[in-house]
Amino acid sequence: MIYKDFALTFGCPSAMIQALSTSSAGSPGLALRRFLSRFVRPLATFAVAASLSALLAGAAFAGVPRMFPPEAKKMKMVFAGNGAVAVGDKAMKLSPGALIRDAENRLVLQGAVRGEYQVRAIVDMYGQVGRVWILTPEEIAAPEPKQ
């Protein structure tokens, strides 16, 4: 009876109210078990299936090589902070909307990257670095694509 009042108070669907009804079963414990088997177990099964499919999808994409645009040149870049980078002896700025991807291909904030990295980068027409990919050791060892 308490379960039925709770379901009525909080606007649960009528199927839930019927599952919680104790008129046919006679015991509240049986009604609760019926409720769990009817609503909670399918939801838990869905959650397990969704998380398993997400895990398998992540594993499937783990071995896919990153594709770089042809204009992205391989270079050694030093991130100094405040949007300043150095390529060789030349000081450059990161563009205001610069996208930096780490070795796992995740976007990182400009202020979070410090130090020297081997990268592929695209420099825009204003001389600012617009997109940067920090390379993995396999990508560093790979030869330049032929034009």
N, C-alpha and C. Protein backbone atom coordinates (compact mmCIF):
# COMPACT_ATOMS: atom_id res chain seq x y z
N MET A 1 0.81 -1.19 0.00
CA MET A 1 0.00 0.00 0.00
C MET A 1 0.86 1.26 0.00
N ILE A 2 1.95 1.23 0.73
CA ILE A 2 2.85 2.40 0.75
C ILE A 2 3.42 2.64 -0.63
N TYR A 3 3.81 1.56 -1.32
CA TYR A 3 4.39 1.70 -2.65
C TYR A 3 3.38 2.30 -3.61
N LYS A 4 2.13 1.86 -3.50
CA LYS A 4 1.09 2.35 -4.39
C LYS A 4 0.84 3.83 -4.14
N ASP A 5 0.83 4.27 -2.88
CA ASP A 5 0.65 5.69 -2.57
C ASP A 5 1.81 6.51 -3.11
N PHE A 6 3.01 6.00 -3.00
CA PHE A 6 4.19 6.69 -3.52
C PHE A 6 4.09 6.86 -5.03
N ALA A 7 3.68 5.80 -5.72
CA ALA A 7 3.55 5.85 -7.16
C ALA A 7 2.48 6.84 -7.59
N LEU A 8 1.36 6.88 -6.85
CA LEU A 8 0.31 7.83 -7.18
C LEU A 8 0.73 9.26 -6.91
N THR A 9 1.50 9.48 -5.85
CA THR A 9 1.93 10.83 -5.48
C THR A 9 2.88 11.42 -6.50
N PHE A 10 3.82 10.62 -7.00
CA PHE A 10 4.85 11.14 -7.89
C PHE A 10 4.56 10.91 -9.36
N GLY A 11 3.34 10.60 -9.71
CA GLY A 11 2.93 10.55 -11.10
C GLY A 11 3.59 9.45 -11.92
N CYS A 12 3.78 8.26 -11.36
CA CYS A 12 4.36 7.16 -12.11
C CYS A 12 3.33 6.61 -13.09
N PRO A 13 3.77 5.97 -14.15
CA PRO A 13 2.83 5.40 -15.11
C PRO A 13 1.95 4.32 -14.48
N SER A 14 0.83 4.11 -15.10
CA SER A 14 -0.13 3.15 -14.55
C SER A 14 0.43 1.74 -14.52
N ALA A 15 1.33 1.38 -15.41
CA ALA A 15 1.93 0.04 -15.39
C ALA A 15 2.74 -0.16 -14.12
N MET A 16 3.38 0.90 -13.64
CA MET A 16 4.14 0.81 -12.39
C MET A 16 3.20 0.61 -11.22
N ILE A 17 2.08 1.30 -11.24
CA ILE A 17 1.10 1.17 -10.16
C ILE A 17 0.55 -0.25 -10.14
N GLN A 18 0.28 -0.81 -11.32
CA GLN A 18 -0.23 -2.18 -11.38
C GLN A 18 0.83 -3.17 -10.90
N ALA A 19 2.09 -2.92 -11.20
CA ALA A 19 3.15 -3.82 -10.76
C ALA A 19 3.32 -3.77 -9.26
N LEU A 20 3.04 -2.62 -8.66
CA LEU A 20 3.21 -2.47 -7.23
C LEU A 20 1.95 -2.85 -6.44
N SER A 21 0.90 -3.14 -7.16
CA SER A 21 -0.35 -3.49 -6.49
C SER A 21 -0.21 -4.80 -5.73
N THR A 22 -0.71 -4.84 -4.51
CA THR A 22 -0.62 -6.06 -3.69
C THR A 22 -1.92 -6.83 -3.65
N SER A 23 -2.92 -6.42 -4.44
CA SER A 23 -4.22 -7.07 -4.35
C SER A 23 -4.16 -8.53 -4.81
N SER A 24 -3.44 -8.81 -5.88
CA SER A 24 -3.40 -10.19 -6.36
C SER A 24 -2.33 -11.01 -5.65
N ALA A 25 -1.23 -10.39 -5.28
CA ALA A 25 -0.12 -11.16 -4.70
C ALA A 25 -0.33 -11.40 -3.22
N GLY A 26 -0.80 -10.39 -2.49
CA GLY A 26 -1.04 -10.56 -1.08
C GLY A 26 0.13 -10.17 -0.19
N SER A 27 1.32 -10.05 -0.73
CA SER A 27 2.45 -9.66 0.12
C SER A 27 3.22 -8.52 -0.53
N PRO A 28 3.63 -7.53 0.25
CA PRO A 28 4.37 -6.41 -0.32
C PRO A 28 5.71 -6.84 -0.90
N GLY A 29 6.34 -7.86 -0.32
CA GLY A 29 7.64 -8.31 -0.83
C GLY A 29 7.53 -8.84 -2.24
N LEU A 30 6.46 -9.57 -2.53
CA LEU A 30 6.25 -10.11 -3.87
C LEU A 30 5.98 -8.97 -4.86
N ALA A 31 5.23 -7.98 -4.42
CA ALA A 31 4.96 -6.83 -5.29
C ALA A 31 6.24 -6.08 -5.61
N LEU A 32 7.13 -5.95 -4.62
CA LEU A 32 8.40 -5.27 -4.86
C LEU A 32 9.26 -6.08 -5.82
N ARG A 33 9.29 -7.39 -5.67
CA ARG A 33 10.05 -8.24 -6.59
C ARG A 33 9.50 -8.14 -8.01
N ARG A 34 8.17 -8.09 -8.13
CA ARG A 34 7.55 -7.95 -9.44
C ARG A 34 7.94 -6.60 -10.06
N PHE A 35 7.94 -5.56 -9.25
CA PHE A 35 8.34 -4.24 -9.73
C PHE A 35 9.79 -4.26 -10.21
N LEU A 36 10.68 -4.84 -9.42
CA LEU A 36 12.10 -4.89 -9.80
C LEU A 36 12.31 -5.68 -11.08
N SER A 37 11.64 -6.81 -11.22
CA SER A 37 11.84 -7.63 -12.41
C SER A 37 11.25 -6.97 -13.65
N ARG A 38 10.23 -6.14 -13.46
CA ARG A 38 9.56 -5.54 -14.61
C ARG A 38 10.21 -4.25 -15.08
N PHE A 39 10.78 -3.47 -14.17
CA PHE A 39 11.29 -2.15 -14.55
C PHE A 39 12.79 -1.97 -14.33
N VAL A 40 13.32 -2.45 -13.24
CA VAL A 40 14.72 -2.16 -12.91
C VAL A 40 15.67 -3.07 -13.68
N ARG A 41 15.40 -4.36 -13.78
CA ARG A 41 16.30 -5.28 -14.47
C ARG A 41 16.47 -4.94 -15.94
N PRO A 42 15.40 -4.62 -16.69
CA PRO A 42 15.63 -4.23 -18.09
C PRO A 42 16.47 -2.96 -18.21
N LEU A 43 16.29 -2.03 -17.28
CA LEU A 43 17.08 -0.81 -17.30
C LEU A 43 18.54 -1.11 -17.02
N ALA A 44 18.82 -2.00 -16.08
CA ALA A 44 20.20 -2.39 -15.78
C ALA A 44 20.82 -3.13 -16.96
N THR A 45 20.04 -3.97 -17.61
CA THR A 45 20.53 -4.68 -18.79
C THR A 45 20.88 -3.71 -19.90
N PHE A 46 20.04 -2.71 -20.11
CA PHE A 46 20.32 -1.68 -21.11
C PHE A 46 21.60 -0.92 -20.77
N ALA A 47 21.78 -0.57 -19.51
CA ALA A 47 22.98 0.17 -19.10
C ALA A 47 24.24 -0.66 -19.33
N VAL A 48 24.19 -1.93 -19.02
CA VAL A 48 25.35 -2.80 -19.25
C VAL A 48 25.62 -2.92 -20.75
N ALA A 49 24.59 -3.10 -21.55
CA ALA A 49 24.78 -3.24 -22.99
C ALA A 49 25.33 -1.96 -23.60
N ALA A 50 24.84 -0.80 -23.15
CA ALA A 50 25.33 0.47 -23.68
C ALA A 50 26.79 0.71 -23.32
N SER A 51 27.16 0.42 -22.08
CA SER A 51 28.55 0.63 -21.69
C SER A 51 29.48 -0.35 -22.39
N LEU A 52 29.03 -1.57 -22.62
CA LEU A 52 29.84 -2.56 -23.33
C LEU A 52 30.03 -2.15 -24.78
N SER A 53 28.99 -1.64 -25.42
CA SER A 53 29.13 -1.21 -26.81
C SER A 53 30.04 0.00 -26.92
N ALA A 54 29.98 0.91 -25.96
CA ALA A 54 30.89 2.07 -25.98
C ALA A 54 32.33 1.62 -25.79
N LEU A 55 32.55 0.64 -24.94
CA LEU A 55 33.89 0.12 -24.71
C LEU A 55 34.43 -0.55 -25.97
N LEU A 56 33.61 -1.34 -26.64
CA LEU A 56 34.04 -2.00 -27.86
C LEU A 56 34.27 -1.01 -29.00
N ALA A 57 33.45 0.04 -29.06
CA ALA A 57 33.65 1.06 -30.09
C ALA A 57 34.97 1.79 -29.86
N GLY A 58 35.30 2.08 -28.61
CA GLY A 58 36.58 2.73 -28.32
C GLY A 58 37.75 1.84 -28.69
N ALA A 59 37.63 0.54 -28.45
CA ALA A 59 38.70 -0.39 -28.80
C ALA A 59 38.84 -0.52 -30.32
N ALA A 60 37.74 -0.39 -31.03
CA ALA A 60 37.80 -0.50 -32.49
C ALA A 60 38.52 0.68 -33.11
N PHE A 61 38.38 1.86 -32.54
CA PHE A 61 39.02 3.04 -33.09
C PHE A 61 40.43 3.26 -32.56
N ALA A 62 40.87 2.43 -31.62
CA ALA A 62 42.19 2.62 -31.03
C ALA A 62 43.31 2.41 -32.05
N GLY A 63 43.14 1.53 -33.00
CA GLY A 63 44.20 1.23 -33.95
C GLY A 63 44.14 2.04 -35.23
N VAL A 64 43.18 2.94 -35.37
CA VAL A 64 43.02 3.72 -36.58
C VAL A 64 44.03 4.86 -36.59
N PRO A 65 44.86 4.96 -37.63
CA PRO A 65 45.83 6.07 -37.67
C PRO A 65 45.13 7.40 -37.90
N ARG A 66 45.72 8.44 -37.35
CA ARG A 66 45.15 9.78 -37.55
C ARG A 66 45.45 10.25 -38.96
N MET A 67 44.52 10.94 -39.53
CA MET A 67 44.70 11.51 -40.86
C MET A 67 44.98 13.00 -40.70
N PHE A 68 46.07 13.46 -41.27
CA PHE A 68 46.45 14.86 -41.19
C PHE A 68 46.20 15.52 -42.53
N PRO A 69 45.80 16.80 -42.52
CA PRO A 69 45.65 17.51 -43.79
C PRO A 69 47.01 17.62 -44.49
N PRO A 70 47.02 17.70 -45.81
CA PRO A 70 48.30 17.77 -46.53
C PRO A 70 49.11 19.03 -46.19
N GLU A 71 48.45 20.09 -45.76
CA GLU A 71 49.18 21.33 -45.45
C GLU A 71 49.78 21.32 -44.04
N ALA A 72 49.52 20.27 -43.27
CA ALA A 72 50.08 20.17 -41.91
C ALA A 72 51.52 19.67 -42.01
N LYS A 73 52.45 20.53 -41.66
CA LYS A 73 53.87 20.21 -41.77
C LYS A 73 54.41 19.69 -40.45
N LYS A 74 55.35 18.75 -40.55
CA LYS A 74 55.98 18.18 -39.37
C LYS A 74 57.08 19.14 -38.91
N MET A 75 57.09 19.44 -37.60
CA MET A 75 58.08 20.38 -37.05
C MET A 75 58.24 20.15 -35.56
N LYS A 76 59.30 20.69 -35.01
CA LYS A 76 59.52 20.66 -33.58
C LYS A 76 59.06 22.00 -33.03
N MET A 77 58.15 21.96 -32.05
CA MET A 77 57.55 23.19 -31.53
C MET A 77 57.73 23.25 -30.03
N VAL A 78 58.08 24.45 -29.54
CA VAL A 78 58.22 24.69 -28.11
C VAL A 78 57.06 25.57 -27.68
N PHE A 79 56.26 25.06 -26.73
CA PHE A 79 55.14 25.82 -26.19
C PHE A 79 55.63 26.59 -24.97
N ALA A 80 55.59 27.91 -25.02
CA ALA A 80 56.13 28.74 -23.95
C ALA A 80 55.05 29.29 -23.03
N GLY A 81 53.79 29.16 -23.36
CA GLY A 81 52.71 29.71 -22.55
C GLY A 81 52.22 31.02 -23.11
N ASN A 82 51.04 31.45 -22.67
CA ASN A 82 50.41 32.70 -23.13
C ASN A 82 50.23 32.74 -24.64
N GLY A 83 50.06 31.59 -25.27
CA GLY A 83 49.84 31.54 -26.71
C GLY A 83 51.08 31.71 -27.55
N ALA A 84 52.25 31.69 -26.92
CA ALA A 84 53.51 31.85 -27.66
C ALA A 84 54.12 30.47 -27.91
N VAL A 85 54.60 30.28 -29.14
CA VAL A 85 55.31 29.06 -29.50
C VAL A 85 56.56 29.44 -30.26
N ALA A 86 57.51 28.54 -30.29
CA ALA A 86 58.74 28.75 -31.05
C ALA A 86 58.94 27.56 -31.97
N VAL A 87 59.20 27.86 -33.23
CA VAL A 87 59.50 26.84 -34.22
C VAL A 87 60.89 27.16 -34.74
N GLY A 88 61.87 26.35 -34.30
CA GLY A 88 63.27 26.65 -34.63
C GLY A 88 63.66 27.94 -33.94
N ASP A 89 64.13 28.93 -34.73
CA ASP A 89 64.50 30.23 -34.18
C ASP A 89 63.38 31.26 -34.29
N LYS A 90 62.27 30.86 -34.87
CA LYS A 90 61.17 31.80 -35.16
C LYS A 90 60.12 31.74 -34.06
N ALA A 91 59.81 32.89 -33.46
CA ALA A 91 58.74 32.98 -32.46
C ALA A 91 57.42 33.22 -33.19
N MET A 92 56.39 32.48 -32.78
CA MET A 92 55.08 32.60 -33.40
C MET A 92 54.02 32.66 -32.31
N LYS A 93 52.82 32.99 -32.69
CA LYS A 93 51.68 33.01 -31.77
C LYS A 93 50.67 31.96 -32.22
N LEU A 94 49.95 31.41 -31.24
CA LEU A 94 48.82 30.56 -31.56
C LEU A 94 47.64 31.46 -31.91
N SER A 95 46.88 31.09 -32.90
CA SER A 95 45.72 31.90 -33.25
C SER A 95 44.69 31.82 -32.11
N PRO A 96 43.80 32.80 -32.01
CA PRO A 96 42.83 32.80 -30.90
C PRO A 96 41.98 31.55 -30.83
N GLY A 97 41.67 30.93 -31.95
CA GLY A 97 40.86 29.71 -31.95
C GLY A 97 41.66 28.46 -32.24
N ALA A 98 42.93 28.47 -31.88
CA ALA A 98 43.81 27.34 -32.20
C ALA A 98 43.32 26.05 -31.54
N LEU A 99 43.39 24.97 -32.29
CA LEU A 99 43.02 23.65 -31.79
C LEU A 99 44.29 22.84 -31.60
N ILE A 100 44.52 22.35 -30.40
CA ILE A 100 45.69 21.54 -30.10
C ILE A 100 45.19 20.16 -29.71
N ARG A 101 45.69 19.14 -30.38
CA ARG A 101 45.34 17.75 -30.07
C ARG A 101 46.57 17.04 -29.54
N ASP A 102 46.38 16.31 -28.44
CA ASP A 102 47.51 15.58 -27.85
C ASP A 102 47.73 14.27 -28.59
N ALA A 103 48.64 13.44 -28.08
CA ALA A 103 49.00 12.19 -28.74
C ALA A 103 47.83 11.20 -28.79
N GLU A 104 46.86 11.33 -27.87
CA GLU A 104 45.67 10.48 -27.91
C GLU A 104 44.53 11.11 -28.69
N ASN A 105 44.81 12.19 -29.41
CA ASN A 105 43.86 12.91 -30.26
C ASN A 105 42.77 13.62 -29.48
N ARG A 106 43.04 13.97 -28.22
CA ARG A 106 42.09 14.74 -27.41
C ARG A 106 42.42 16.21 -27.53
N LEU A 107 41.40 17.04 -27.53
CA LEU A 107 41.64 18.49 -27.54
C LEU A 107 42.17 18.92 -26.18
N VAL A 108 43.20 19.76 -26.18
CA VAL A 108 43.75 20.29 -24.94
C VAL A 108 43.76 21.81 -25.02
N LEU A 109 43.72 22.43 -23.86
CA LEU A 109 43.74 23.89 -23.80
C LEU A 109 45.14 24.41 -24.09
N GLN A 110 45.21 25.63 -24.63
CA GLN A 110 46.50 26.21 -24.98
C GLN A 110 47.42 26.33 -23.77
N GLY A 111 46.88 26.71 -22.64
CA GLY A 111 47.68 26.89 -21.44
C GLY A 111 48.12 25.60 -20.78
N ALA A 112 47.56 24.47 -21.21
CA ALA A 112 47.89 23.18 -20.59
C ALA A 112 49.11 22.52 -21.21
N VAL A 113 49.58 23.04 -22.34
CA VAL A 113 50.71 22.43 -23.04
C VAL A 113 51.95 23.28 -22.80
N ARG A 114 52.98 22.65 -22.26
CA ARG A 114 54.28 23.32 -22.03
C ARG A 114 55.38 22.38 -22.50
N GLY A 115 56.45 22.95 -22.98
CA GLY A 115 57.61 22.15 -23.35
C GLY A 115 57.74 21.98 -24.85
N GLU A 116 58.66 21.10 -25.21
CA GLU A 116 59.01 20.88 -26.62
C GLU A 116 58.39 19.57 -27.10
N TYR A 117 57.75 19.64 -28.27
CA TYR A 117 57.08 18.47 -28.84
C TYR A 117 57.35 18.42 -30.34
N GLN A 118 57.34 17.20 -30.87
CA GLN A 118 57.33 17.01 -32.32
C GLN A 118 55.86 17.04 -32.73
N VAL A 119 55.50 17.92 -33.64
CA VAL A 119 54.10 18.14 -33.99
C VAL A 119 53.91 18.21 -35.49
N ARG A 120 52.67 18.17 -35.88
CA ARG A 120 52.25 18.59 -37.21
C ARG A 120 51.38 19.82 -36.97
N ALA A 121 51.62 20.86 -37.73
CA ALA A 121 50.90 22.11 -37.50
C ALA A 121 50.54 22.78 -38.81
N ILE A 122 49.50 23.59 -38.75
CA ILE A 122 49.06 24.40 -39.88
C ILE A 122 49.22 25.86 -39.48
N VAL A 123 49.94 26.60 -40.30
CA VAL A 123 50.14 28.03 -40.08
C VAL A 123 49.22 28.77 -41.04
N ASP A 124 48.44 29.73 -40.52
CA ASP A 124 47.50 30.45 -41.37
C ASP A 124 48.20 31.59 -42.11
N MET A 125 47.44 32.34 -42.88
CA MET A 125 48.02 33.40 -43.72
C MET A 125 48.53 34.59 -42.92
N TYR A 126 48.19 34.67 -41.64
CA TYR A 126 48.67 35.74 -40.78
C TYR A 126 49.92 35.35 -40.01
N GLY A 127 50.43 34.15 -40.25
CA GLY A 127 51.62 33.67 -39.57
C GLY A 127 51.34 33.12 -38.18
N GLN A 128 50.09 32.83 -37.88
CA GLN A 128 49.72 32.25 -36.60
C GLN A 128 49.43 30.76 -36.77
N VAL A 129 49.73 30.02 -35.74
CA VAL A 129 49.50 28.58 -35.77
C VAL A 129 48.03 28.31 -35.43
N GLY A 130 47.32 27.66 -36.35
CA GLY A 130 45.88 27.45 -36.18
C GLY A 130 45.51 26.09 -35.64
N ARG A 131 46.21 25.05 -36.10
CA ARG A 131 45.90 23.69 -35.67
C ARG A 131 47.21 22.96 -35.41
N VAL A 132 47.23 22.19 -34.30
CA VAL A 132 48.43 21.47 -33.90
C VAL A 132 48.04 20.05 -33.49
N TRP A 133 48.83 19.08 -33.95
CA TRP A 133 48.69 17.69 -33.52
C TRP A 133 50.02 17.27 -32.90
N ILE A 134 50.01 16.94 -31.63
CA ILE A 134 51.21 16.41 -30.99
C ILE A 134 51.34 14.96 -31.42
N LEU A 135 52.51 14.59 -31.95
CA LEU A 135 52.69 13.29 -32.57
C LEU A 135 53.09 12.20 -31.59
N THR A 136 52.67 10.98 -31.89
CA THR A 136 53.11 9.81 -31.15
C THR A 136 54.46 9.37 -31.73
N PRO A 137 55.20 8.50 -31.04
CA PRO A 137 56.48 8.02 -31.59
C PRO A 137 56.32 7.34 -32.95
N GLU A 138 55.23 6.63 -33.18
CA GLU A 138 55.00 5.99 -34.49
C GLU A 138 54.79 7.03 -35.58
N GLU A 139 54.07 8.10 -35.26
CA GLU A 139 53.83 9.16 -36.25
C GLU A 139 55.11 9.95 -36.52
N ILE A 140 55.97 10.09 -35.53
CA ILE A 140 57.24 10.78 -35.74
C ILE A 140 58.11 9.97 -36.69
N ALA A 141 58.13 8.63 -36.53
CA ALA A 141 58.97 7.77 -37.36
C ALA A 141 58.42 7.61 -38.78
N ALA A 142 57.16 7.87 -38.98
CA ALA A 142 56.55 7.71 -40.31
C ALA A 142 57.11 8.74 -41.27
N PRO A 143 57.34 8.36 -42.55
CA PRO A 143 57.87 9.32 -43.53
C PRO A 143 56.80 10.33 -43.92
N GLU A 144 57.25 11.45 -44.45
CA GLU A 144 56.35 12.49 -44.95
C GLU A 144 55.55 11.94 -46.12
N PRO A 145 54.26 12.23 -46.22
CA PRO A 145 53.50 11.76 -47.38
C PRO A 145 53.97 12.49 -48.65
N LYS A 146 53.91 11.78 -49.76
CA LYS A 146 54.34 12.37 -51.05
C LYS A 146 53.25 13.27 -51.56
N GLN A 147 53.65 14.39 -52.10
CA GLN A 147 52.71 15.38 -52.62
C GLN A 147 52.33 15.06 -54.04
